[in-house]
Amino acid sequence: MESSPIVHVEIVSSDPKAAGKFYSDLFGWKIEVDESFNYVQFMVEPGPGGAFPAMDDQTGYKRPMVVPYVHSHDIDADLKKAESLGGTVQVPKTEIPMTGWFALFADPTGNTIGLYTSAREGG
């Protein structure tokens, strides 16, 4: 079985820019704001990096939480397997323009986990 490492982490926040400043000041993380997506990202060496998405209707996040994104070679197959094991799809495979694809599912205990495939892999 191929490895599926964590490739991205989202720390959901009511104030993404303030969260970015806090973690930058605390840990020295490099912060970047992608204005086109209103997405505050952090870069950590050696990684993985991540972002501070807002709690709002656009993101669908309703409470503070940490969401790890696991690399997926086949998001559809992984979602199907997660469902067969008692998980629930929260967001189906969705394209991130010029970046890749993602999906969210809840495990049987309620934790939200993301799946991600880079556009370089062909989705």
C-alpha atoms as a PDB file:
ATOM      1  CA  MET A   1       0.000   0.000   0.000  1.00  0.00           C
ATOM      2  CA  GLU A   2       1.328   3.453  -0.946  1.00  0.00           C
ATOM      3  CA  SER A   3       1.929   5.987   1.782  1.00  0.00           C
ATOM      4  CA  SER A   4      -0.569   8.826   2.206  1.00  0.00           C
ATOM      5  CA  PRO A   5       1.253  11.563   4.131  1.00  0.00           C
ATOM      6  CA  ILE A   6      -0.340  14.672   5.601  1.00  0.00           C
ATOM      7  CA  VAL A   7       0.327  17.392   3.024  1.00  0.00           C
ATOM      8  CA  HIS A   8      -1.630  20.406   4.338  1.00  0.00           C
ATOM      9  CA  VAL A   9      -3.210  21.508   7.624  1.00  0.00           C
ATOM     10  CA  GLU A  10      -6.056  23.990   8.078  1.00  0.00           C
ATOM     11  CA  ILE A  11      -6.487  25.745  11.415  1.00  0.00           C
ATOM     12  CA  VAL A  12     -10.002  27.172  11.186  1.00  0.00           C
ATOM     13  CA  SER A  13     -10.331  30.623  12.713  1.00  0.00           C
ATOM     14  CA  SER A  14     -12.836  33.407  13.304  1.00  0.00           C
ATOM     15  CA  ASP A  15     -10.048  35.855  12.293  1.00  0.00           C
ATOM     16  CA  PRO A  16      -7.581  34.258   9.844  1.00  0.00           C
ATOM     17  CA  LYS A  17      -5.228  37.262   9.619  1.00  0.00           C
ATOM     18  CA  ALA A  18      -4.973  37.515  13.424  1.00  0.00           C
ATOM     19  CA  ALA A  19      -4.362  33.753  13.634  1.00  0.00           C
ATOM     20  CA  GLY A  20      -1.638  34.063  11.000  1.00  0.00           C
ATOM     21  CA  LYS A  21       0.052  36.863  12.941  1.00  0.00           C
ATOM     22  CA  PHE A  22      -0.169  34.881  16.194  1.00  0.00           C
ATOM     23  CA  TYR A  23       1.494  31.771  14.734  1.00  0.00           C
ATOM     24  CA  SER A  24       4.043  33.822  12.822  1.00  0.00           C
ATOM     25  CA  ASP A  25       5.019  35.633  16.019  1.00  0.00           C
ATOM     26  CA  LEU A  26       4.968  32.410  18.054  1.00  0.00           C
ATOM     27  CA  PHE A  27       6.766  30.006  15.702  1.00  0.00           C
ATOM     28  CA  GLY A  28       8.234  32.202  12.949  1.00  0.00           C
ATOM     29  CA  TRP A  29       5.984  30.691  10.277  1.00  0.00           C
ATOM     30  CA  LYS A  30       6.018  32.536   6.955  1.00  0.00           C
ATOM     31  CA  ILE A  31       2.538  33.924   6.251  1.00  0.00           C
ATOM     32  CA  GLU A  32       1.091  34.670   2.802  1.00  0.00           C
ATOM     33  CA  VAL A  33      -2.378  35.972   1.957  1.00  0.00           C
ATOM     34  CA  ASP A  34      -3.928  34.771  -1.294  1.00  0.00           C
ATOM     35  CA  GLU A  35      -6.328  37.658  -1.888  1.00  0.00           C
ATOM     36  CA  SER A  36      -8.064  35.891  -4.786  1.00  0.00           C
ATOM     37  CA  PHE A  37      -9.324  33.220  -2.343  1.00  0.00           C
ATOM     38  CA  ASN A  38      -9.139  35.358   0.835  1.00  0.00           C
ATOM     39  CA  TYR A  39      -6.953  32.548   2.145  1.00  0.00           C
ATOM     40  CA  VAL A  40      -4.227  33.107   4.765  1.00  0.00           C
ATOM     41  CA  GLN A  41      -1.533  30.465   4.260  1.00  0.00           C
ATOM     42  CA  PHE A  42       1.482  29.440   6.312  1.00  0.00           C
ATOM     43  CA  MET A  43       4.701  27.825   5.176  1.00  0.00           C
ATOM     44  CA  VAL A  44       6.784  25.687   7.511  1.00  0.00           C
ATOM     45  CA  GLU A  45      10.080  24.034   6.674  1.00  0.00           C
ATOM     46  CA  PRO A  46      10.236  21.175   6.050  1.00  0.00           C
ATOM     47  CA  GLY A  47       6.432  21.075   6.055  1.00  0.00           C
ATOM     48  CA  PRO A  48       3.652  20.468   5.711  1.00  0.00           C
ATOM     49  CA  GLY A  49       2.287  23.976   5.481  1.00  0.00           C
ATOM     50  CA  GLY A  50      -1.316  24.983   5.642  1.00  0.00           C
ATOM     51  CA  ALA A  51      -3.784  27.810   6.102  1.00  0.00           C
ATOM     52  CA  PHE A  52      -6.165  29.611   8.399  1.00  0.00           C
ATOM     53  CA  PRO A  53      -9.575  29.414   6.689  1.00  0.00           C
ATOM     54  CA  ALA A  54     -12.395  31.515   8.090  1.00  0.00           C
ATOM     55  CA  MET A  55     -15.438  30.181   9.877  1.00  0.00           C
ATOM     56  CA  ASP A  56     -18.173  31.263   7.458  1.00  0.00           C
ATOM     57  CA  ASP A  57     -20.745  30.083   4.943  1.00  0.00           C
ATOM     58  CA  GLN A  58     -18.224  30.139   2.064  1.00  0.00           C
ATOM     59  CA  THR A  59     -15.842  27.649   3.707  1.00  0.00           C
ATOM     60  CA  GLY A  60     -18.587  25.695   5.444  1.00  0.00           C
ATOM     61  CA  TYR A  61     -16.598  25.628   8.687  1.00  0.00           C
ATOM     62  CA  LYS A  62     -18.875  26.479  11.628  1.00  0.00           C
ATOM     63  CA  ARG A  63     -16.449  26.131  14.539  1.00  0.00           C
ATOM     64  CA  PRO A  64     -12.726  26.291  15.297  1.00  0.00           C
ATOM     65  CA  MET A  65     -11.043  23.022  14.366  1.00  0.00           C
ATOM     66  CA  VAL A  66      -7.853  21.601  12.900  1.00  0.00           C
ATOM     67  CA  VAL A  67      -8.234  19.753   9.590  1.00  0.00           C
ATOM     68  CA  PRO A  68      -5.310  17.673   8.292  1.00  0.00           C
ATOM     69  CA  TYR A  69      -5.259  17.032   4.540  1.00  0.00           C
ATOM     70  CA  VAL A  70      -3.928  13.654   3.456  1.00  0.00           C
ATOM     71  CA  HIS A  71      -2.432  13.099   0.017  1.00  0.00           C
ATOM     72  CA  SER A  72      -4.739  10.992  -2.123  1.00  0.00           C
ATOM     73  CA  HIS A  73      -3.878   9.205  -5.362  1.00  0.00           C
ATOM     74  CA  ASP A  74      -7.623   8.759  -6.038  1.00  0.00           C
ATOM     75  CA  ILE A  75     -10.010  10.962  -4.058  1.00  0.00           C
ATOM     76  CA  ASP A  76     -13.164   9.250  -5.316  1.00  0.00           C
ATOM     77  CA  ALA A  77     -11.865   5.808  -4.339  1.00  0.00           C
ATOM     78  CA  ASP A  78     -10.703   7.039  -0.934  1.00  0.00           C
ATOM     79  CA  LEU A  79     -14.108   8.654  -0.233  1.00  0.00           C
ATOM     80  CA  LYS A  80     -15.861   5.434  -1.206  1.00  0.00           C
ATOM     81  CA  LYS A  81     -13.593   3.427   1.088  1.00  0.00           C
ATOM     82  CA  ALA A  82     -14.086   5.915   3.950  1.00  0.00           C
ATOM     83  CA  GLU A  83     -17.872   5.526   3.577  1.00  0.00           C
ATOM     84  CA  SER A  84     -17.571   1.734   3.567  1.00  0.00           C
ATOM     85  CA  LEU A  85     -15.700   1.993   6.865  1.00  0.00           C
ATOM     86  CA  GLY A  86     -18.344   4.187   8.501  1.00  0.00           C
ATOM     87  CA  GLY A  87     -17.159   7.641   7.436  1.00  0.00           C
ATOM     88  CA  THR A  88     -19.386  10.353   5.971  1.00  0.00           C
ATOM     89  CA  VAL A  89     -18.557  12.554   2.972  1.00  0.00           C
ATOM     90  CA  GLN A  90     -18.850  16.214   3.957  1.00  0.00           C
ATOM     91  CA  VAL A  91     -17.571  17.817   0.730  1.00  0.00           C
ATOM     92  CA  PRO A  92     -17.268  15.730  -2.447  1.00  0.00           C
ATOM     93  CA  LYS A  93     -14.259  15.964  -4.742  1.00  0.00           C
ATOM     94  CA  THR A  94     -13.992  19.639  -5.651  1.00  0.00           C
ATOM     95  CA  GLU A  95     -11.587  21.403  -7.986  1.00  0.00           C
ATOM     96  CA  ILE A  96      -9.295  24.169  -6.745  1.00  0.00           C
ATOM     97  CA  PRO A  97      -8.630  26.056 -10.018  1.00  0.00           C
ATOM     98  CA  MET A  98      -5.050  25.645 -11.281  1.00  0.00           C
ATOM     99  CA  THR A  99      -4.074  23.905  -8.015  1.00  0.00           C
ATOM    100  CA  GLY A 100      -5.713  20.483  -7.648  1.00  0.00           C
ATOM    101  CA  TRP A 101      -8.707  18.789  -6.007  1.00  0.00           C
ATOM    102  CA  PHE A 102      -9.874  18.323  -2.445  1.00  0.00           C
ATOM    103  CA  ALA A 103     -12.634  16.608  -0.488  1.00  0.00           C
ATOM    104  CA  LEU A 104     -13.652  16.399   3.169  1.00  0.00           C
ATOM    105  CA  PHE A 105     -15.036  13.479   5.119  1.00  0.00           C
ATOM    106  CA  ALA A 106     -15.843  12.781   8.758  1.00  0.00           C
ATOM    107  CA  ASP A 107     -14.494   9.653  10.369  1.00  0.00           C
ATOM    108  CA  PRO A 108     -16.882   7.518  12.441  1.00  0.00           C
ATOM    109  CA  THR A 109     -15.963   9.524  15.568  1.00  0.00           C
ATOM    110  CA  GLY A 110     -16.722  12.917  13.978  1.00  0.00           C
ATOM    111  CA  ASN A 111     -13.251  14.181  13.067  1.00  0.00           C
ATOM    112  CA  THR A 112     -13.026  16.055   9.761  1.00  0.00           C
ATOM    113  CA  ILE A 113     -10.230  14.927   7.444  1.00  0.00           C
ATOM    114  CA  GLY A 114      -9.317  16.393   4.059  1.00  0.00           C
ATOM    115  CA  LEU A 115      -8.049  14.639   0.955  1.00  0.00           C
ATOM    116  CA  TYR A 116      -5.895  16.438  -1.610  1.00  0.00           C
ATOM    117  CA  THR A 117      -4.524  15.677  -5.071  1.00  0.00           C
ATOM    118  CA  SER A 118      -2.250  18.131  -6.855  1.00  0.00           C
ATOM    119  CA  ALA A 119      -3.065  19.260 -10.398  1.00  0.00           C
ATOM    120  CA  ARG A 120       0.435  18.040 -11.323  1.00  0.00           C
ATOM    121  CA  GLU A 121      -0.845  14.502 -10.775  1.00  0.00           C
ATOM    122  CA  GLY A 122      -3.740  14.964 -13.160  1.00  0.00           C
ATOM    123  CA  GLY A 123      -6.529  14.422 -10.609  1.00  0.00           C
END
